[in-house]
Amino acid sequence: MSKRIPTGITREFLEAVALPNHGGRYTPISHKSIIDKVHAELAARGFNVEAELYRASVHGNVANGMYILDQGTDPDMKMMFVWGNSYDKSMRFKCGVGVYIPKTGNYIFHGDVANYARKHTGTADQDALEMIQAHLNMANAHYAELLDARDKLIGTTVSLRKASELTGRMFIEEQCINKEQASSVRDRIINKVELFDNLAWNNGWNFYNSVATAMRMSHPKSWFEDQSKMHKLILKEVVDINTDVIVADLPEVAIPEPTNQLDIFAVIEEVENTEVVVEFEETPEIKLNSPTDVIVDEIPEELFIFDEPQQTTFDLPDL
């Protein structure tokens, strides 16, 4: 049976997680040092934290932190700072500036956040601090870029076929959503759920938020990459194609009748009158082991389920 993510992860819990000693060149960055650095850098720039949220795997080896700031020009798009860290070598430290959407409880961030990651080497702490500083120095620029993306998406329409195609590509091609998340997106699409009072169900921004809602079930280890892939794909396929490219009406083309078409009734008659002999090989006897002979390995920590109904695993308080 798969384990489930614990709820109510606090700053104190993450700070108390023991820092492992892997030896060699790998130097884990402590969750506590990251939290302290983020708070210090935010305060130095005059950013007040309205809310902070943490989530982690069962033992706290993989963690995310998110800070909603009072910075920003649009009350519907609150600036936030996010980071990801691991103690088990499963994820490099990464961080970036994003946006929290109070209306839907969703969050988005700059599409390249997942590319700004640092290996855990001997200078990991200093490198992490410099990365935090670099992203905060560009906070207003990243925030403006996300506002622009929102505005462009609002001006688009996503047909049922296009929404189906993009959902399938995110599930199969990009692999940034799992089957439960794909099912969640599908349900919102076919039920024409409107997440915003003034936007139709097939609006581009509404579709984006339908997917972002499902993204709240992503594992802390893959959340950055998953969100980044989704962000890039939707912007490219919805904004660039639907708004920037005008497809002219194609002229009607006369299709000639085929000269080598089969008579379907003749084929059916031929099949029905054909005697088919099927030979079966003897099936060897299969012996089943008793239940006591079956060894069930413990499911590793990374195989968590984040989609339990009624479970608020990554929801922020109303702001």
Protein backbone atom coordinates (compact mmCIF):
# COMPACT_ATOMS: atom_id res chain seq x y z
CA MET A 1 0.00 0.00 0.00
CA SER A 2 1.42 3.39 -0.96
CA LYS A 3 2.22 5.87 1.73
CA ARG A 4 0.66 9.30 1.81
CA ILE A 5 2.21 12.67 2.37
CA PRO A 6 1.82 13.96 5.92
CA THR A 7 -0.29 17.08 6.33
CA GLY A 8 0.53 20.16 8.35
CA ILE A 9 4.27 20.31 7.59
CA THR A 10 5.75 23.17 9.62
CA ARG A 11 8.96 25.15 9.59
CA GLU A 12 9.89 23.57 12.93
CA PHE A 13 9.48 20.06 11.50
CA LEU A 14 11.82 20.75 8.57
CA GLU A 15 14.39 22.48 10.76
CA ALA A 16 14.48 19.43 13.04
CA VAL A 17 15.14 16.90 10.25
CA ALA A 18 18.63 15.48 10.82
CA LEU A 19 21.18 16.40 8.14
CA PRO A 20 22.68 13.16 6.72
CA ASN A 21 26.37 12.58 6.09
CA HIS A 22 26.77 11.01 2.66
CA GLY A 23 30.52 11.48 2.55
CA GLY A 24 32.49 12.26 -0.58
CA ARG A 25 31.78 15.48 -2.47
CA TYR A 26 28.02 15.53 -1.83
CA THR A 27 27.17 18.19 0.74
CA PRO A 28 23.48 18.46 1.66
CA ILE A 29 22.13 21.94 2.30
CA SER A 30 20.09 22.01 5.49
CA HIS A 31 16.45 23.02 5.24
CA LYS A 32 17.02 25.34 8.20
CA SER A 33 19.82 27.24 6.50
CA ILE A 34 17.65 27.76 3.40
CA ILE A 35 14.69 28.98 5.45
CA ASP A 36 16.89 31.39 7.41
CA LYS A 37 18.55 32.71 4.24
CA VAL A 38 15.22 33.24 2.46
CA HIS A 39 13.70 35.13 5.39
CA ALA A 40 16.82 37.29 5.75
CA GLU A 41 17.00 38.16 2.04
CA LEU A 42 13.28 38.94 1.85
CA ALA A 43 13.52 41.23 4.87
CA ALA A 44 16.60 42.98 3.44
CA ARG A 45 14.57 43.91 0.35
CA GLY A 46 11.52 45.03 2.28
CA PHE A 47 9.34 42.07 1.29
CA ASN A 48 6.81 41.14 3.97
CA VAL A 49 5.70 37.50 4.11
CA GLU A 50 1.91 37.24 4.24
CA ALA A 51 1.89 33.44 4.45
CA GLU A 52 4.42 30.64 4.26
CA LEU A 53 3.79 26.99 3.48
CA TYR A 54 5.96 23.89 3.58
CA ARG A 55 5.47 20.33 2.43
CA ALA A 56 7.78 17.35 2.40
CA SER A 57 8.08 13.61 1.99
CA VAL A 58 7.35 11.42 5.01
CA HIS A 59 10.77 11.70 6.60
CA GLY A 60 11.45 15.24 5.40
CA ASN A 61 14.26 14.28 3.02
CA VAL A 62 12.59 16.13 0.14
CA ALA A 63 10.97 19.49 0.87
CA ASN A 64 9.43 22.56 -0.76
CA GLY A 65 8.95 25.99 0.77
CA MET A 66 6.69 28.76 -0.52
CA TYR A 67 6.34 32.35 0.68
CA ILE A 68 3.48 34.63 -0.35
CA LEU A 69 4.66 38.25 -0.41
CA ASP A 70 2.89 41.58 -0.15
CA GLN A 71 4.77 42.67 -3.27
CA GLY A 72 3.02 43.05 -6.62
CA THR A 73 0.79 45.41 -8.57
CA ASP A 74 -2.14 43.04 -9.13
CA PRO A 75 -4.21 41.77 -6.15
CA ASP A 76 -5.28 38.73 -8.20
CA MET A 77 -1.64 37.70 -8.73
CA LYS A 78 0.42 37.77 -5.54
CA MET A 79 4.19 37.47 -5.83
CA MET A 80 5.76 34.45 -4.16
CA PHE A 81 9.17 32.87 -3.65
CA VAL A 82 9.62 29.09 -3.82
CA TRP A 83 12.45 26.65 -3.19
CA GLY A 84 13.09 22.91 -3.34
CA ASN A 85 15.74 20.88 -1.52
CA SER A 86 16.62 17.26 -0.78
CA TYR A 87 18.81 15.27 1.60
CA ASP A 88 18.74 12.03 -0.42
CA LYS A 89 20.41 13.16 -3.67
CA SER A 90 17.07 13.00 -5.51
CA MET A 91 16.91 16.73 -6.27
CA ARG A 92 19.33 19.62 -6.53
CA PHE A 93 18.58 22.80 -4.66
CA LYS A 94 16.48 25.18 -6.77
CA CYS A 95 14.47 28.32 -6.22
CA GLY A 96 12.61 31.05 -8.05
CA VAL A 97 9.96 33.75 -8.13
CA GLY A 98 6.37 32.93 -8.96
CA VAL A 99 2.77 33.98 -8.46
CA TYR A 100 0.02 32.81 -6.13
CA ILE A 101 -3.57 33.12 -7.44
CA PRO A 102 -5.96 33.66 -4.49
CA LYS A 103 -9.08 32.98 -6.57
CA THR A 104 -8.09 29.40 -7.42
CA GLY A 105 -5.45 28.68 -4.79
CA ASN A 106 -2.98 27.87 -7.58
CA TYR A 107 0.59 28.97 -8.11
CA ILE A 108 2.74 29.45 -11.17
CA PHE A 109 6.34 30.46 -11.65
CA HIS A 110 8.76 31.43 -14.33
CA GLY A 111 9.18 28.62 -16.82
CA ASP A 112 12.96 28.39 -16.39
CA VAL A 113 12.98 27.97 -12.61
CA ALA A 114 13.67 24.25 -12.93
CA ASN A 115 16.84 24.98 -14.92
CA TYR A 116 18.37 27.06 -12.13
CA ALA A 117 19.57 24.26 -9.88
CA ARG A 118 22.78 23.82 -7.91
CA LYS A 119 24.72 20.65 -7.21
CA HIS A 120 25.35 19.90 -3.55
CA THR A 121 29.15 20.29 -3.35
CA GLY A 122 31.46 21.79 -0.76
CA THR A 123 30.32 25.34 -1.54
CA ALA A 124 26.63 24.47 -1.65
CA ASP A 125 25.54 26.85 1.14
CA GLN A 126 27.20 29.88 -0.44
CA ASP A 127 25.99 28.94 -3.91
CA ALA A 128 22.43 28.57 -2.60
CA LEU A 129 22.59 32.03 -1.02
CA GLU A 130 23.83 33.57 -4.27
CA MET A 131 21.05 31.84 -6.20
CA ILE A 132 18.41 33.14 -3.78
CA GLN A 133 19.83 36.67 -4.11
CA ALA A 134 19.97 36.48 -7.91
CA HIS A 135 16.33 35.44 -8.21
CA LEU A 136 15.11 38.06 -5.74
CA ASN A 137 17.06 40.72 -7.64
CA MET A 138 14.99 39.77 -10.70
CA ALA A 139 11.73 39.37 -8.77
CA ASN A 140 9.88 42.29 -10.37
CA ALA A 141 10.92 41.24 -13.89
CA HIS A 142 9.76 37.66 -13.40
CA TYR A 143 6.52 38.86 -11.82
CA ALA A 144 5.82 41.16 -14.78
CA GLU A 145 6.48 38.29 -17.20
CA LEU A 146 3.92 36.09 -15.45
CA LEU A 147 1.35 38.90 -15.47
CA ASP A 148 1.89 39.25 -19.21
CA ALA A 149 1.44 35.50 -19.70
CA ARG A 150 -1.85 35.65 -17.76
CA ASP A 151 -3.13 38.54 -19.86
CA LYS A 152 -2.29 36.78 -23.12
CA LEU A 153 -3.98 33.56 -22.01
CA ILE A 154 -7.14 35.48 -21.06
CA GLY A 155 -7.35 36.62 -24.68
CA THR A 156 -7.45 33.06 -26.05
CA THR A 157 -9.95 30.24 -26.38
CA VAL A 158 -9.07 26.55 -26.02
CA SER A 159 -11.37 24.18 -27.89
CA LEU A 160 -12.35 20.82 -26.45
CA ARG A 161 -10.09 19.09 -28.96
CA LYS A 162 -7.14 21.35 -28.16
CA ALA A 163 -7.61 20.87 -24.43
CA SER A 164 -7.76 17.10 -24.96
CA GLU A 165 -4.61 17.17 -27.08
CA LEU A 166 -2.63 19.23 -24.57
CA THR A 167 -3.77 17.11 -21.63
CA GLY A 168 -2.69 13.98 -23.49
CA ARG A 169 0.67 15.49 -24.38
CA MET A 170 1.30 16.52 -20.78
CA PHE A 171 0.46 12.98 -19.67
CA ILE A 172 2.24 10.94 -22.36
CA GLU A 173 4.78 13.14 -24.12
CA GLU A 174 5.96 15.54 -21.41
CA GLN A 175 5.09 13.19 -18.51
CA CYS A 176 4.49 16.16 -16.24
CA ILE A 177 1.10 14.91 -15.01
CA ASN A 178 0.16 11.40 -13.92
CA LYS A 179 -3.05 9.53 -14.68
CA GLU A 180 -4.83 10.87 -11.59
CA GLN A 181 -3.93 14.44 -12.54
CA ALA A 182 -4.93 13.88 -16.16
CA SER A 183 -8.26 12.53 -14.94
CA SER A 184 -8.69 15.61 -12.75
CA VAL A 185 -8.11 17.92 -15.74
CA ARG A 186 -10.46 15.85 -17.90
CA ASP A 187 -13.28 16.10 -15.35
CA ARG A 188 -13.02 19.90 -15.26
CA ILE A 189 -13.02 20.10 -19.05
CA ILE A 190 -15.96 17.81 -19.78
CA ASN A 191 -17.98 19.35 -16.94
CA LYS A 192 -17.12 22.83 -18.26
CA VAL A 193 -15.96 24.06 -14.86
CA GLU A 194 -15.48 27.83 -14.72
CA LEU A 195 -12.85 28.71 -12.14
CA PHE A 196 -13.26 32.46 -12.64
CA ASP A 197 -16.53 34.40 -12.49
CA ASN A 198 -15.89 36.34 -15.68
CA LEU A 199 -14.22 33.66 -17.84
CA ALA A 200 -15.78 30.81 -19.81
CA TRP A 201 -14.70 27.22 -19.21
CA ASN A 202 -12.81 27.17 -22.52
CA ASN A 203 -10.84 30.35 -21.87
CA GLY A 204 -7.06 29.88 -22.02
CA TRP A 205 -6.48 31.16 -18.47
CA ASN A 206 -9.27 28.96 -17.15
CA PHE A 207 -7.70 25.91 -18.83
CA TYR A 208 -4.27 26.82 -17.44
CA ASN A 209 -5.72 26.93 -13.92
CA SER A 210 -7.54 23.63 -14.45
CA VAL A 211 -4.15 22.04 -15.03
CA ALA A 212 -2.46 24.05 -12.25
CA THR A 213 -5.07 22.76 -9.81
CA ALA A 214 -4.08 19.20 -10.70
CA MET A 215 -0.41 20.16 -10.30
CA ARG A 216 -1.02 20.60 -6.58
CA MET A 217 -0.85 16.79 -6.38
CA SER A 218 2.73 16.68 -7.74
CA HIS A 219 5.51 15.21 -5.62
CA PRO A 220 7.87 17.79 -4.03
CA LYS A 221 10.74 16.21 -5.95
CA SER A 222 9.24 16.78 -9.41
CA TRP A 223 6.98 19.77 -8.77
CA PHE A 224 9.35 22.36 -10.31
CA GLU A 225 9.99 20.37 -13.50
CA ASP A 226 6.34 19.39 -13.88
CA GLN A 227 5.09 22.96 -13.47
CA SER A 228 7.78 24.28 -15.81
CA LYS A 229 6.90 21.82 -18.60
CA MET A 230 3.21 22.61 -18.26
CA HIS A 231 3.84 26.36 -18.31
CA LYS A 232 5.98 26.24 -21.45
CA LEU A 233 3.70 23.87 -23.36
CA ILE A 234 0.49 25.82 -22.75
CA LEU A 235 2.08 29.18 -23.55
CA LYS A 236 3.58 27.83 -26.78
CA GLU A 237 0.54 25.95 -28.01
CA VAL A 238 -2.23 28.29 -26.82
CA VAL A 239 -0.75 31.78 -26.98
CA ASP A 240 1.67 31.54 -29.89
CA ILE A 241 -0.54 29.47 -32.18
CA ASN A 242 -4.02 30.74 -31.33
CA THR A 243 -3.19 34.45 -31.17
CA ASP A 244 -0.17 35.00 -33.38
CA VAL A 245 -0.80 32.68 -36.33
CA ILE A 246 -3.77 33.19 -38.64
CA VAL A 247 -4.69 30.12 -40.66
CA ALA A 248 -6.38 30.98 -43.98
CA ASP A 249 -9.46 29.06 -45.10
CA LEU A 250 -8.40 26.19 -47.34
CA PRO A 251 -10.12 25.80 -50.75
CA GLU A 252 -12.31 22.78 -51.32
CA VAL A 253 -10.55 19.97 -53.15
CA ALA A 254 -12.43 17.41 -55.23
CA ILE A 255 -11.49 13.89 -54.14
CA PRO A 256 -11.59 11.34 -57.05
CA GLU A 257 -13.40 8.06 -56.59
CA PRO A 258 -10.93 5.21 -55.95
CA THR A 259 -10.59 2.64 -58.76
CA ASN A 260 -9.41 -0.27 -56.61
CA GLN A 261 -12.06 -0.17 -53.87
CA LEU A 262 -13.04 -3.52 -52.33
CA ASP A 263 -16.64 -4.72 -52.20
CA ILE A 264 -17.18 -5.10 -48.45
CA PHE A 265 -20.09 -7.53 -48.91
CA ALA A 266 -17.97 -9.78 -51.12
CA VAL A 267 -15.22 -9.80 -48.50
CA ILE A 268 -17.67 -10.73 -45.73
CA GLU A 269 -19.10 -13.59 -47.81
CA GLU A 270 -15.61 -14.89 -48.54
CA VAL A 271 -14.65 -14.88 -44.87
CA GLU A 272 -17.87 -16.60 -43.79
CA ASN A 273 -17.33 -19.41 -46.33
CA THR A 274 -13.72 -20.02 -45.36
CA GLU A 275 -13.08 -22.87 -42.94
CA VAL A 276 -10.52 -21.96 -40.30
CA VAL A 277 -8.71 -24.66 -38.33
CA VAL A 278 -7.13 -23.56 -35.05
CA GLU A 279 -4.68 -25.82 -33.25
CA PHE A 280 -4.09 -25.36 -29.52
CA GLU A 281 -0.89 -26.32 -27.77
CA GLU A 282 -1.15 -28.03 -24.42
CA THR A 283 -0.82 -25.45 -21.67
CA PRO A 284 1.82 -26.41 -19.09
CA GLU A 285 0.71 -26.68 -15.49
CA ILE A 286 1.37 -23.53 -13.49
CA LYS A 287 2.17 -23.96 -9.82
CA LEU A 288 1.48 -21.04 -7.54
CA ASN A 289 3.56 -20.39 -4.47
CA SER A 290 1.79 -20.15 -1.18
CA PRO A 291 1.24 -16.66 0.26
CA THR A 292 4.05 -17.27 2.71
CA ASP A 293 6.52 -17.57 -0.18
CA VAL A 294 5.78 -14.08 -1.50
CA ILE A 295 8.15 -11.34 -0.38
CA VAL A 296 6.78 -7.81 -0.53
CA ASP A 297 9.41 -5.11 -0.43
CA GLU A 298 8.70 -1.92 1.43
CA ILE A 299 7.55 0.79 -0.93
CA PRO A 300 10.30 3.44 -1.16
CA GLU A 301 9.65 6.90 0.14
CA GLU A 302 9.35 8.49 -3.30
CA LEU A 303 6.23 6.47 -4.17
CA PHE A 304 3.76 8.69 -2.37
CA ILE A 305 0.22 9.53 -3.41
CA PHE A 306 -0.66 13.21 -3.29
CA ASP A 307 -4.23 12.98 -4.50
CA GLU A 308 -6.19 11.77 -1.48
CA PRO A 309 -9.66 13.35 -1.50
CA GLN A 310 -10.31 15.93 1.22
CA GLN A 311 -6.57 16.19 1.90
CA THR A 312 -5.21 19.74 1.85
CA THR A 313 -1.63 18.88 1.02
CA PHE A 314 -0.60 22.16 -0.59
CA ASP A 315 -3.38 24.67 0.05
CA LEU A 316 -2.76 28.15 1.33
CA PRO A 317 -4.97 30.11 3.71
CA ASP A 318 -7.26 32.74 2.31
CA LEU A 319 -5.36 36.00 1.91
